[in-house]
Amino acid sequence: MSAGRKYRHHEHAEPTTSTIRAGILILGLIVIATLIATVPHLLWP
């Protein structure tokens, strides 16, 4: 059972980096979407 817990803990510890990467990608997409949405308003007030 301890081996299963160890594996589970390792499995839980690994997605943190991929979760951070996904968060950065999502933030980047939000920033790009915001720029696309705001730039036309800046060009044509």
PDB file of N, CA and C in Angstrom:
ATOM      1  N   MET A   1       0.831  -1.192   0.000  1.00  0.00           N
ATOM      2  CA  MET A   1       0.000   0.000   0.000  1.00  0.00           C
ATOM      3  C   MET A   1       0.881   1.264   0.000  1.00  0.00           C
ATOM      4  N   SER A   2       2.001   1.184   0.724  1.00  0.00           N
ATOM      5  CA  SER A   2       2.905   2.335   0.764  1.00  0.00           C
ATOM      6  C   SER A   2       3.500   2.602  -0.625  1.00  0.00           C
ATOM      7  N   ALA A   3       3.731   1.518  -1.378  1.00  0.00           N
ATOM      8  CA  ALA A   3       4.252   1.668  -2.734  1.00  0.00           C
ATOM      9  C   ALA A   3       3.229   2.387  -3.614  1.00  0.00           C
ATOM     10  N   GLY A   4       1.965   2.035  -3.432  1.00  0.00           N
ATOM     11  CA  GLY A   4       0.888   2.685  -4.183  1.00  0.00           C
ATOM     12  C   GLY A   4       0.794   4.160  -3.824  1.00  0.00           C
ATOM     13  N   ARG A   5       0.960   4.451  -2.541  1.00  0.00           N
ATOM     14  CA  ARG A   5       0.920   5.843  -2.102  1.00  0.00           C
ATOM     15  C   ARG A   5       2.095   6.620  -2.680  1.00  0.00           C
ATOM     16  N   LYS A   6       3.253   5.960  -2.710  1.00  0.00           N
ATOM     17  CA  LYS A   6       4.454   6.609  -3.243  1.00  0.00           C
ATOM     18  C   LYS A   6       4.243   6.954  -4.728  1.00  0.00           C
ATOM     19  N   TYR A   7       3.705   5.993  -5.475  1.00  0.00           N
ATOM     20  CA  TYR A   7       3.444   6.216  -6.897  1.00  0.00           C
ATOM     21  C   TYR A   7       2.433   7.342  -7.084  1.00  0.00           C
ATOM     22  N   ARG A   8       1.396   7.315  -6.248  1.00  0.00           N
ATOM     23  CA  ARG A   8       0.346   8.324  -6.345  1.00  0.00           C
ATOM     24  C   ARG A   8       0.928   9.704  -6.045  1.00  0.00           C
ATOM     25  N   HIS A   9       1.793   9.762  -5.042  1.00  0.00           N
ATOM     26  CA  HIS A   9       2.415  11.042  -4.683  1.00  0.00           C
ATOM     27  C   HIS A   9       3.288  11.548  -5.831  1.00  0.00           C
ATOM     28  N   HIS A  10       4.050  10.630  -6.439  1.00  0.00           N
ATOM     29  CA  HIS A  10       4.900  10.996  -7.572  1.00  0.00           C
ATOM     30  C   HIS A  10       4.040  11.496  -8.733  1.00  0.00           C
ATOM     31  N   GLU A  11       2.924  10.821  -8.956  1.00  0.00           N
ATOM     32  CA  GLU A  11       2.021  11.195 -10.025  1.00  0.00           C
ATOM     33  C   GLU A  11       1.425  12.577  -9.759  1.00  0.00           C
ATOM     34  N   HIS A  12       1.171  12.854  -8.491  1.00  0.00           N
ATOM     35  CA  HIS A  12       0.594  14.148  -8.128  1.00  0.00           C
ATOM     36  C   HIS A  12       1.649  15.258  -8.198  1.00  0.00           C
ATOM     37  N   ALA A  13       2.895  14.896  -7.927  1.00  0.00           N
ATOM     38  CA  ALA A  13       3.968  15.891  -7.917  1.00  0.00           C
ATOM     39  C   ALA A  13       4.352  16.310  -9.340  1.00  0.00           C
ATOM     40  N   GLU A  14       4.191  15.410 -10.301  1.00  0.00           N
ATOM     41  CA  GLU A  14       4.614  15.726 -11.670  1.00  0.00           C
ATOM     42  C   GLU A  14       3.725  16.752 -12.390  1.00  0.00           C
ATOM     43  N   PRO A  15       2.396  16.644 -12.318  1.00  0.00           N
ATOM     44  CA  PRO A  15       1.565  17.593 -13.066  1.00  0.00           C
ATOM     45  C   PRO A  15       1.738  19.057 -12.667  1.00  0.00           C
ATOM     46  N   THR A  16       2.440  19.358 -11.565  1.00  0.00           N
ATOM     47  CA  THR A  16       2.591  20.753 -11.141  1.00  0.00           C
ATOM     48  C   THR A  16       3.280  21.580 -12.224  1.00  0.00           C
ATOM     49  N   THR A  17       4.359  21.049 -12.815  1.00  0.00           N
ATOM     50  CA  THR A  17       5.071  21.788 -13.862  1.00  0.00           C
ATOM     51  C   THR A  17       4.195  21.955 -15.103  1.00  0.00           C
ATOM     52  N   SER A  18       3.496  20.890 -15.492  1.00  0.00           N
ATOM     53  CA  SER A  18       2.617  20.966 -16.662  1.00  0.00           C
ATOM     54  C   SER A  18       1.427  21.883 -16.381  1.00  0.00           C
ATOM     55  N   THR A  19       0.969  21.900 -15.123  1.00  0.00           N
ATOM     56  CA  THR A  19      -0.124  22.793 -14.746  1.00  0.00           C
ATOM     57  C   THR A  19       0.333  24.244 -14.838  1.00  0.00           C
ATOM     58  N   ILE A  20       1.555  24.509 -14.359  1.00  0.00           N
ATOM     59  CA  ILE A  20       2.120  25.865 -14.448  1.00  0.00           C
ATOM     60  C   ILE A  20       2.278  26.256 -15.916  1.00  0.00           C
ATOM     61  N   ARG A  21       2.776  25.323 -16.735  1.00  0.00           N
ATOM     62  CA  ARG A  21       2.925  25.598 -18.176  1.00  0.00           C
ATOM     63  C   ARG A  21       1.574  25.902 -18.810  1.00  0.00           C
ATOM     64  N   ALA A  22       0.559  25.105 -18.458  1.00  0.00           N
ATOM     65  CA  ALA A  22      -0.787  25.324 -18.984  1.00  0.00           C
ATOM     66  C   ALA A  22      -1.309  26.679 -18.533  1.00  0.00           C
ATOM     67  N   GLY A  23      -1.052  27.035 -17.281  1.00  0.00           N
ATOM     68  CA  GLY A  23      -1.478  28.339 -16.758  1.00  0.00           C
ATOM     69  C   GLY A  23      -0.824  29.482 -17.517  1.00  0.00           C
ATOM     70  N   ILE A  24       0.476  29.340 -17.792  1.00  0.00           N
ATOM     71  CA  ILE A  24       1.205  30.367 -18.545  1.00  0.00           C
ATOM     72  C   ILE A  24       0.630  30.475 -19.958  1.00  0.00           C
ATOM     73  N   LEU A  25       0.352  29.331 -20.591  1.00  0.00           N
ATOM     74  CA  LEU A  25      -0.226  29.334 -21.937  1.00  0.00           C
ATOM     75  C   LEU A  25      -1.592  30.011 -21.938  1.00  0.00           C
ATOM     76  N   ILE A  26      -2.416  29.677 -20.946  1.00  0.00           N
ATOM     77  CA  ILE A  26      -3.757  30.275 -20.843  1.00  0.00           C
ATOM     78  C   ILE A  26      -3.636  31.780 -20.624  1.00  0.00           C
ATOM     79  N   LEU A  27      -2.731  32.197 -19.734  1.00  0.00           N
ATOM     80  CA  LEU A  27      -2.516  33.630 -19.491  1.00  0.00           C
ATOM     81  C   LEU A  27      -2.055  34.321 -20.768  1.00  0.00           C
ATOM     82  N   GLY A  28      -1.150  33.681 -21.499  1.00  0.00           N
ATOM     83  CA  GLY A  28      -0.675  34.242 -22.757  1.00  0.00           C
ATOM     84  C   GLY A  28      -1.797  34.408 -23.772  1.00  0.00           C
ATOM     85  N   LEU A  29      -2.651  33.392 -23.858  1.00  0.00           N
ATOM     86  CA  LEU A  29      -3.796  33.460 -24.767  1.00  0.00           C
ATOM     87  C   LEU A  29      -4.753  34.573 -24.356  1.00  0.00           C
ATOM     88  N   ILE A  30      -4.967  34.727 -23.046  1.00  0.00           N
ATOM     89  CA  ILE A  30      -5.841  35.801 -22.547  1.00  0.00           C
ATOM     90  C   ILE A  30      -5.246  37.160 -22.908  1.00  0.00           C
ATOM     91  N   VAL A  31      -3.929  37.303 -22.719  1.00  0.00           N
ATOM     92  CA  VAL A  31      -3.256  38.571 -23.051  1.00  0.00           C
ATOM     93  C   VAL A  31      -3.392  38.865 -24.544  1.00  0.00           C
ATOM     94  N   ILE A  32      -3.149  37.867 -25.384  1.00  0.00           N
ATOM     95  CA  ILE A  32      -3.262  38.033 -26.841  1.00  0.00           C
ATOM     96  C   ILE A  32      -4.698  38.396 -27.222  1.00  0.00           C
ATOM     97  N   ALA A  33      -5.665  37.684 -26.624  1.00  0.00           N
ATOM     98  CA  ALA A  33      -7.074  37.969 -26.907  1.00  0.00           C
ATOM     99  C   ALA A  33      -7.437  39.385 -26.473  1.00  0.00           C
ATOM    100  N   THR A  34      -6.915  39.808 -25.316  1.00  0.00           N
ATOM    101  CA  THR A  34      -7.179  41.161 -24.817  1.00  0.00           C
ATOM    102  C   THR A  34      -6.586  42.198 -25.769  1.00  0.00           C
ATOM    103  N   LEU A  35      -5.358  41.954 -26.241  1.00  0.00           N
ATOM    104  CA  LEU A  35      -4.719  42.873 -27.183  1.00  0.00           C
ATOM    105  C   LEU A  35      -5.532  42.962 -28.476  1.00  0.00           C
ATOM    106  N   ILE A  36      -5.950  41.811 -28.998  1.00  0.00           N
ATOM    107  CA  ILE A  36      -6.756  41.780 -30.220  1.00  0.00           C
ATOM    108  C   ILE A  36      -8.068  42.546 -30.012  1.00  0.00           C
ATOM    109  N   ALA A  37      -8.619  42.440 -28.824  1.00  0.00           N
ATOM    110  CA  ALA A  37      -9.887  43.112 -28.525  1.00  0.00           C
ATOM    111  C   ALA A  37      -9.700  44.614 -28.318  1.00  0.00           C
ATOM    112  N   THR A  38      -8.551  45.032 -27.759  1.00  0.00           N
ATOM    113  CA  THR A  38      -8.365  46.451 -27.419  1.00  0.00           C
ATOM    114  C   THR A  38      -7.679  47.259 -28.511  1.00  0.00           C
ATOM    115  N   VAL A  39      -6.822  46.642 -29.316  1.00  0.00           N
ATOM    116  CA  VAL A  39      -6.078  47.383 -30.348  1.00  0.00           C
ATOM    117  C   VAL A  39      -7.015  48.130 -31.311  1.00  0.00           C
ATOM    118  N   PRO A  40      -8.066  47.494 -31.864  1.00  0.00           N
ATOM    119  CA  PRO A  40      -8.965  48.242 -32.750  1.00  0.00           C
ATOM    120  C   PRO A  40      -9.594  49.464 -32.090  1.00  0.00           C
ATOM    121  N   HIS A  41      -9.870  49.377 -30.791  1.00  0.00           N
ATOM    122  CA  HIS A  41     -10.438  50.524 -30.065  1.00  0.00           C
ATOM    123  C   HIS A  41      -9.404  51.645 -29.941  1.00  0.00           C
ATOM    124  N   LEU A  42      -8.134  51.262 -29.823  1.00  0.00           N
ATOM    125  CA  LEU A  42      -7.079  52.269 -29.748  1.00  0.00           C
ATOM    126  C   LEU A  42      -6.866  52.932 -31.108  1.00  0.00           C
ATOM    127  N   LEU A  43      -6.989  52.142 -32.185  1.00  0.00           N
ATOM    128  CA  LEU A  43      -6.820  52.677 -33.535  1.00  0.00           C
ATOM    129  C   LEU A  43      -8.028  53.518 -33.956  1.00  0.00           C
ATOM    130  N   TRP A  44      -9.227  53.004 -33.602  1.00  0.00           N
ATOM    131  CA  TRP A  44     -10.447  53.737 -33.933  1.00  0.00           C
ATOM    132  C   TRP A  44     -11.226  54.031 -32.649  1.00  0.00           C
ATOM    133  N   PRO A  45     -10.933  55.152 -31.996  1.00  0.00           N
ATOM    134  CA  PRO A  45     -11.583  55.454 -30.716  1.00  0.00           C
ATOM    135  C   PRO A  45     -13.088  55.691 -30.866  1.00  0.00           C
TER     136      PRO A  45
END
